[in-house]
N, C-alpha and C. Protein backbone atom coordinates (compact mmCIF):
# COMPACT_ATOMS: atom_id res chain seq x y z
N UNK A 1 15.44 -11.28 9.99
CA UNK A 1 14.15 -10.64 9.94
C UNK A 1 14.01 -9.55 10.99
N UNK A 2 14.85 -9.59 12.02
CA UNK A 2 14.83 -8.55 13.04
C UNK A 2 15.10 -7.18 12.43
N UNK A 3 15.95 -7.14 11.40
CA UNK A 3 16.26 -5.87 10.75
C UNK A 3 15.02 -5.28 10.09
N UNK A 4 14.17 -6.11 9.54
CA UNK A 4 12.94 -5.63 8.92
C UNK A 4 11.99 -5.03 9.95
N UNK A 5 11.88 -5.68 11.10
CA UNK A 5 11.03 -5.18 12.17
C UNK A 5 11.57 -3.84 12.67
N UNK A 6 12.89 -3.76 12.86
CA UNK A 6 13.49 -2.50 13.31
C UNK A 6 13.28 -1.39 12.28
N UNK A 7 13.41 -1.70 11.00
CA UNK A 7 13.19 -0.70 9.95
C UNK A 7 11.74 -0.22 9.98
N UNK A 8 10.79 -1.14 10.12
CA UNK A 8 9.38 -0.75 10.17
C UNK A 8 9.08 0.10 11.40
N UNK A 9 9.65 -0.27 12.55
CA UNK A 9 9.45 0.53 13.75
C UNK A 9 10.04 1.93 13.60
N UNK A 10 11.21 2.02 13.00
CA UNK A 10 11.84 3.33 12.79
C UNK A 10 11.04 4.19 11.82
N UNK A 11 10.48 3.58 10.79
CA UNK A 11 9.64 4.34 9.86
C UNK A 11 8.38 4.86 10.55
N UNK A 12 7.78 4.03 11.37
CA UNK A 12 6.60 4.48 12.12
C UNK A 12 6.94 5.58 13.11
N UNK A 13 8.05 5.42 13.81
CA UNK A 13 8.47 6.45 14.77
C UNK A 13 8.82 7.75 14.05
N UNK A 14 9.41 7.65 12.86
CA UNK A 14 9.74 8.85 12.08
C UNK A 14 8.47 9.57 11.67
N UNK A 15 7.44 8.83 11.29
CA UNK A 15 6.17 9.46 10.91
C UNK A 15 5.54 10.19 12.09
N UNK A 16 5.55 9.55 13.25
CA UNK A 16 4.98 10.17 14.45
C UNK A 16 5.81 11.41 14.83
N UNK A 17 7.13 11.29 14.81
CA UNK A 17 7.99 12.42 15.15
C UNK A 17 7.80 13.58 14.18
N UNK A 18 7.57 13.28 12.91
CA UNK A 18 7.35 14.34 11.92
C UNK A 18 6.03 15.07 12.21
N UNK A 19 4.97 14.33 12.51
CA UNK A 19 3.68 14.96 12.82
C UNK A 19 3.80 15.81 14.08
N UNK A 20 4.46 15.28 15.12
CA UNK A 20 4.62 16.03 16.37
C UNK A 20 5.46 17.28 16.14
N UNK A 21 6.55 17.15 15.42
CA UNK A 21 7.43 18.30 15.17
C UNK A 21 6.76 19.37 14.34
N UNK A 22 6.08 18.96 13.27
CA UNK A 22 5.43 19.94 12.41
C UNK A 22 4.25 20.62 13.11
N UNK A 23 3.60 19.92 14.03
CA UNK A 23 2.49 20.54 14.75
C UNK A 23 2.98 21.67 15.66
N UNK A 24 4.25 21.63 16.04
CA UNK A 24 4.81 22.69 16.89
C UNK A 24 5.30 23.89 16.10
N UNK A 25 5.76 23.69 14.87
CA UNK A 25 6.31 24.80 14.10
C UNK A 25 5.38 25.29 13.00
N UNK A 26 4.54 24.43 12.47
CA UNK A 26 3.61 24.81 11.40
C UNK A 26 2.26 24.17 11.67
N UNK A 27 1.51 24.72 12.63
CA UNK A 27 0.23 24.09 12.97
C UNK A 27 -0.74 24.11 11.80
N UNK A 28 -1.56 23.08 11.73
CA UNK A 28 -2.49 22.95 10.61
C UNK A 28 -3.72 23.84 10.77
N UNK A 29 -4.08 24.15 12.00
CA UNK A 29 -5.27 24.97 12.23
C UNK A 29 -4.94 26.45 12.23
N UNK A 30 -5.98 27.27 12.26
CA UNK A 30 -5.75 28.72 12.29
C UNK A 30 -5.19 29.16 13.65
N UNK A 31 -4.38 30.19 13.62
CA UNK A 31 -3.80 30.73 14.85
C UNK A 31 -4.82 31.68 15.47
N UNK A 32 -5.10 31.47 16.75
CA UNK A 32 -6.11 32.26 17.46
C UNK A 32 -5.47 32.92 18.67
N UNK A 33 -6.05 34.03 19.10
CA UNK A 33 -5.56 34.74 20.28
C UNK A 33 -6.15 34.08 21.53
N UNK A 34 -5.29 33.77 22.48
CA UNK A 34 -5.71 33.18 23.75
C UNK A 34 -5.29 34.14 24.86
N UNK A 35 -6.22 34.47 25.75
CA UNK A 35 -5.91 35.28 26.91
C UNK A 35 -5.68 34.32 28.07
N UNK A 36 -4.46 34.31 28.60
CA UNK A 36 -4.08 33.40 29.67
C UNK A 36 -4.77 33.84 30.95
N UNK A 37 -5.45 32.90 31.62
CA UNK A 37 -6.16 33.23 32.86
C UNK A 37 -5.45 32.69 34.10
N UNK A 38 -4.80 31.53 34.00
CA UNK A 38 -4.10 30.96 35.15
C UNK A 38 -3.02 30.00 34.66
N UNK A 39 -1.92 29.95 35.39
CA UNK A 39 -0.81 29.05 35.05
C UNK A 39 -0.34 28.32 36.31
N UNK A 40 0.08 27.08 36.13
CA UNK A 40 0.66 26.33 37.24
C UNK A 40 1.79 25.46 36.71
N UNK A 41 2.81 25.29 37.56
CA UNK A 41 3.94 24.45 37.20
C UNK A 41 3.62 23.02 37.58
N UNK A 42 3.81 22.12 36.64
CA UNK A 42 3.57 20.70 36.89
C UNK A 42 4.88 19.95 36.76
N UNK A 43 5.05 18.95 37.56
CA UNK A 43 6.27 18.16 37.54
C UNK A 43 5.98 16.81 36.90
N UNK A 44 6.83 16.44 35.96
CA UNK A 44 6.72 15.15 35.28
C UNK A 44 8.09 14.49 35.34
N UNK A 45 8.30 13.70 36.36
CA UNK A 45 9.61 13.06 36.52
C UNK A 45 10.66 14.12 36.83
N UNK A 46 11.72 14.13 36.05
CA UNK A 46 12.79 15.12 36.24
C UNK A 46 12.45 16.46 35.62
N UNK A 47 11.54 16.45 34.67
CA UNK A 47 11.22 17.67 33.94
C UNK A 47 9.92 18.27 34.44
N UNK A 48 9.88 19.57 34.45
CA UNK A 48 8.65 20.27 34.79
C UNK A 48 8.22 21.13 33.62
N UNK A 49 6.97 21.50 33.63
CA UNK A 49 6.46 22.37 32.58
C UNK A 49 5.36 23.24 33.17
N UNK A 50 5.03 24.30 32.45
CA UNK A 50 3.99 25.21 32.89
C UNK A 50 2.75 24.95 32.05
N UNK A 51 1.64 24.66 32.71
CA UNK A 51 0.37 24.43 32.05
C UNK A 51 -0.52 25.63 32.34
N UNK A 52 -1.01 26.27 31.28
CA UNK A 52 -1.85 27.45 31.44
C UNK A 52 -3.26 27.18 30.94
N UNK A 53 -4.22 27.82 31.58
CA UNK A 53 -5.60 27.84 31.12
C UNK A 53 -5.85 29.21 30.54
N UNK A 54 -6.66 29.25 29.49
CA UNK A 54 -6.94 30.53 28.87
C UNK A 54 -8.29 30.53 28.19
N UNK A 55 -8.63 31.68 27.64
CA UNK A 55 -9.91 31.86 26.96
C UNK A 55 -9.66 32.34 25.54
N UNK A 56 -10.37 31.73 24.58
CA UNK A 56 -10.35 32.21 23.21
C UNK A 56 -11.26 33.43 23.11
N UNK A 57 -11.24 34.09 21.97
CA UNK A 57 -12.06 35.29 21.77
C UNK A 57 -13.55 34.98 21.91
N UNK A 58 -13.97 33.77 21.55
CA UNK A 58 -15.39 33.41 21.64
C UNK A 58 -15.79 32.91 23.04
N UNK A 59 -14.84 32.90 23.98
CA UNK A 59 -15.13 32.48 25.35
C UNK A 59 -14.86 31.03 25.65
N UNK A 60 -14.37 30.28 24.68
CA UNK A 60 -14.07 28.86 24.89
C UNK A 60 -12.82 28.73 25.77
N UNK A 61 -12.92 27.87 26.79
CA UNK A 61 -11.78 27.65 27.69
C UNK A 61 -10.86 26.61 27.07
N UNK A 62 -9.55 26.93 27.02
CA UNK A 62 -8.55 26.01 26.46
C UNK A 62 -7.40 25.87 27.45
N UNK A 63 -6.63 24.81 27.27
CA UNK A 63 -5.46 24.55 28.08
C UNK A 63 -4.26 24.39 27.17
N UNK A 64 -3.12 25.01 27.54
CA UNK A 64 -1.93 24.92 26.70
C UNK A 64 -0.69 25.02 27.56
N UNK A 65 0.41 24.44 27.04
CA UNK A 65 1.70 24.57 27.71
C UNK A 65 2.34 25.85 27.24
N UNK A 66 2.62 26.73 28.21
CA UNK A 66 3.20 28.02 27.86
C UNK A 66 3.81 28.62 29.12
N UNK A 67 5.02 29.13 29.01
CA UNK A 67 5.66 29.81 30.14
C UNK A 67 5.19 31.26 30.17
N UNK A 68 3.99 31.47 30.64
CA UNK A 68 3.42 32.80 30.64
C UNK A 68 2.90 33.19 32.00
N UNK A 69 2.11 34.24 31.99
CA UNK A 69 1.50 34.73 33.23
C UNK A 69 0.07 35.17 32.94
N UNK A 70 -0.78 35.20 33.95
CA UNK A 70 -2.18 35.58 33.74
C UNK A 70 -2.30 36.98 33.13
N UNK A 71 -3.24 37.11 32.21
CA UNK A 71 -3.47 38.38 31.54
C UNK A 71 -2.74 38.52 30.22
N UNK A 72 -1.80 37.65 29.97
CA UNK A 72 -1.01 37.71 28.73
C UNK A 72 -1.85 37.22 27.55
N UNK A 73 -1.65 37.82 26.39
CA UNK A 73 -2.30 37.40 25.15
C UNK A 73 -1.28 36.65 24.31
N UNK A 74 -1.61 35.43 23.91
CA UNK A 74 -0.70 34.61 23.11
C UNK A 74 -1.43 34.10 21.87
N UNK A 75 -0.65 33.92 20.81
CA UNK A 75 -1.17 33.31 19.60
C UNK A 75 -1.00 31.81 19.73
N UNK A 76 -2.09 31.06 19.64
CA UNK A 76 -2.04 29.60 19.79
C UNK A 76 -2.84 28.97 18.65
N UNK A 77 -2.47 27.75 18.33
CA UNK A 77 -3.15 27.02 17.25
C UNK A 77 -3.53 25.64 17.77
N UNK A 78 -4.59 25.10 17.19
CA UNK A 78 -5.07 23.77 17.57
C UNK A 78 -4.20 22.71 16.90
N UNK A 79 -3.77 21.73 17.66
CA UNK A 79 -2.97 20.64 17.14
C UNK A 79 -3.88 19.57 16.55
N UNK A 80 -3.33 18.63 15.77
CA UNK A 80 -4.17 17.57 15.18
C UNK A 80 -4.91 16.72 16.21
N UNK A 81 -4.43 16.64 17.43
CA UNK A 81 -5.07 15.79 18.44
C UNK A 81 -5.99 16.59 19.36
N UNK A 82 -6.20 17.90 19.06
CA UNK A 82 -7.23 18.65 19.75
C UNK A 82 -6.78 19.65 20.80
N UNK A 83 -5.56 19.57 21.30
CA UNK A 83 -5.10 20.54 22.28
C UNK A 83 -4.57 21.78 21.56
N UNK A 84 -4.23 22.78 22.34
CA UNK A 84 -3.68 24.01 21.76
C UNK A 84 -2.20 24.12 22.09
N UNK A 85 -1.44 24.74 21.19
CA UNK A 85 -0.02 24.94 21.39
C UNK A 85 0.38 26.30 20.85
N UNK A 86 1.44 26.84 21.43
CA UNK A 86 2.00 28.10 20.94
C UNK A 86 3.03 27.73 19.88
N UNK A 87 2.82 28.13 18.62
CA UNK A 87 3.77 27.75 17.56
C UNK A 87 5.16 28.34 17.80
N UNK A 88 6.18 27.53 17.56
CA UNK A 88 7.56 27.99 17.68
C UNK A 88 7.98 28.59 16.35
N UNK A 89 8.83 29.58 16.40
CA UNK A 89 9.29 30.26 15.20
C UNK A 89 10.81 30.19 15.12
N UNK A 90 11.33 30.31 13.91
CA UNK A 90 12.77 30.43 13.73
C UNK A 90 13.44 29.19 13.18
N UNK A 91 14.68 29.37 12.82
CA UNK A 91 15.48 28.31 12.20
C UNK A 91 15.70 27.14 13.16
N UNK A 92 16.02 27.43 14.41
CA UNK A 92 16.30 26.36 15.37
C UNK A 92 15.04 25.54 15.67
N UNK A 93 13.88 26.17 15.65
CA UNK A 93 12.64 25.42 15.87
C UNK A 93 12.43 24.42 14.75
N UNK A 94 12.64 24.86 13.50
CA UNK A 94 12.50 23.94 12.36
C UNK A 94 13.56 22.85 12.40
N UNK A 95 14.78 23.21 12.76
CA UNK A 95 15.86 22.22 12.84
C UNK A 95 15.53 21.16 13.89
N UNK A 96 15.06 21.60 15.03
CA UNK A 96 14.70 20.67 16.10
C UNK A 96 13.54 19.78 15.68
N UNK A 97 12.56 20.36 15.01
CA UNK A 97 11.37 19.60 14.61
C UNK A 97 11.70 18.55 13.55
N UNK A 98 12.69 18.80 12.71
CA UNK A 98 13.00 17.88 11.61
C UNK A 98 14.19 16.97 11.89
N UNK A 99 14.94 17.23 12.96
CA UNK A 99 16.13 16.43 13.25
C UNK A 99 15.78 15.00 13.66
N UNK A 100 14.82 14.83 14.53
CA UNK A 100 14.46 13.49 14.99
C UNK A 100 13.90 12.62 13.86
N UNK A 101 12.97 13.12 13.04
CA UNK A 101 12.50 12.28 11.93
C UNK A 101 13.62 11.94 10.94
N UNK A 102 14.51 12.88 10.69
CA UNK A 102 15.61 12.61 9.76
C UNK A 102 16.54 11.52 10.32
N UNK A 103 16.84 11.60 11.61
CA UNK A 103 17.70 10.59 12.23
C UNK A 103 17.02 9.22 12.20
N UNK A 104 15.73 9.18 12.48
CA UNK A 104 15.01 7.91 12.45
C UNK A 104 14.95 7.33 11.04
N UNK A 105 14.81 8.19 10.04
CA UNK A 105 14.83 7.70 8.65
C UNK A 105 16.20 7.14 8.28
N UNK A 106 17.26 7.77 8.75
CA UNK A 106 18.60 7.23 8.49
C UNK A 106 18.79 5.86 9.14
N UNK A 107 18.29 5.70 10.34
CA UNK A 107 18.38 4.40 11.02
C UNK A 107 17.54 3.37 10.26
N UNK A 108 16.37 3.76 9.75
CA UNK A 108 15.54 2.83 8.98
C UNK A 108 16.25 2.41 7.70
N UNK A 109 16.94 3.33 7.04
CA UNK A 109 17.70 2.99 5.83
C UNK A 109 18.83 2.02 6.17
N UNK A 110 19.52 2.26 7.27
CA UNK A 110 20.60 1.36 7.69
C UNK A 110 20.05 -0.03 8.01
N UNK A 111 18.91 -0.10 8.69
CA UNK A 111 18.30 -1.40 9.01
C UNK A 111 17.86 -2.11 7.74
N UNK A 112 17.33 -1.37 6.77
CA UNK A 112 16.93 -1.97 5.51
C UNK A 112 18.14 -2.52 4.76
N UNK A 113 19.25 -1.80 4.79
CA UNK A 113 20.48 -2.30 4.17
C UNK A 113 20.98 -3.57 4.85
N UNK A 114 20.93 -3.59 6.18
CA UNK A 114 21.34 -4.79 6.91
C UNK A 114 20.41 -5.96 6.61
N UNK A 115 19.12 -5.69 6.47
CA UNK A 115 18.16 -6.74 6.11
C UNK A 115 18.46 -7.30 4.72
N UNK A 116 18.74 -6.43 3.77
CA UNK A 116 19.05 -6.90 2.41
C UNK A 116 20.31 -7.76 2.41
N UNK A 117 21.33 -7.35 3.16
CA UNK A 117 22.56 -8.15 3.25
C UNK A 117 22.30 -9.50 3.88
N UNK A 118 21.48 -9.53 4.94
CA UNK A 118 21.18 -10.79 5.61
C UNK A 118 20.39 -11.72 4.70
N UNK A 119 19.45 -11.18 3.94
CA UNK A 119 18.67 -12.01 3.02
C UNK A 119 19.57 -12.53 1.92
N UNK A 120 20.43 -11.68 1.38
CA UNK A 120 21.35 -12.10 0.33
C UNK A 120 22.30 -13.21 0.83
N UNK A 121 22.81 -13.02 2.06
CA UNK A 121 23.72 -14.00 2.64
C UNK A 121 23.02 -15.34 2.82
N UNK A 122 21.78 -15.32 3.30
CA UNK A 122 21.02 -16.55 3.48
C UNK A 122 20.72 -17.22 2.15
N UNK A 123 20.37 -16.42 1.15
CA UNK A 123 20.08 -16.96 -0.17
C UNK A 123 21.33 -17.57 -0.79
N UNK A 124 22.49 -16.92 -0.63
CA UNK A 124 23.73 -17.46 -1.17
C UNK A 124 24.12 -18.76 -0.47
N UNK A 125 23.92 -18.84 0.84
CA UNK A 125 24.21 -20.08 1.57
C UNK A 125 23.31 -21.20 1.11
N UNK A 126 22.05 -20.90 0.86
CA UNK A 126 21.12 -21.93 0.39
C UNK A 126 21.50 -22.41 -1.00
N UNK A 127 21.97 -21.48 -1.83
CA UNK A 127 22.38 -21.87 -3.20
C UNK A 127 23.61 -22.76 -3.16
N UNK A 128 24.54 -22.49 -2.27
CA UNK A 128 25.75 -23.29 -2.14
C UNK A 128 25.40 -24.68 -1.62
N UNK A 129 24.47 -24.78 -0.67
CA UNK A 129 24.07 -26.06 -0.12
C UNK A 129 23.32 -26.92 -1.13
N UNK A 130 22.66 -26.31 -2.11
CA UNK A 130 21.92 -27.05 -3.10
C UNK A 130 22.84 -27.67 -4.16
N UNK A 131 24.02 -27.15 -4.32
CA UNK A 131 24.93 -27.67 -5.37
C UNK A 131 25.50 -28.98 -5.03
């Protein structure tokens, strides 16, 4: 039964990875112009990133991760969870966004196959013991 749990976890992780990846390359909301007002480098463990504050055309203040500088105009879109992101473009962006969900789906298929074999093996053993 562990194989079934692993398959379900991999399917859930694949769904989350797909939503996260697609939000970076094909955002669901409209792309808006953001004027970057301030940027600061933040450290998160071994990795660091640049967090910028900016203003939309209507004056709304937004925060986004972007390696930019104050005064720069960037096209940003709202993600499903409410923050803003700069959409990535190109073949490698799509490949990166879809690689993790595809790998997780392959692992889920392998776990499902292992679960089916384990169930079949248990059923065959039970049939032999009943004879």
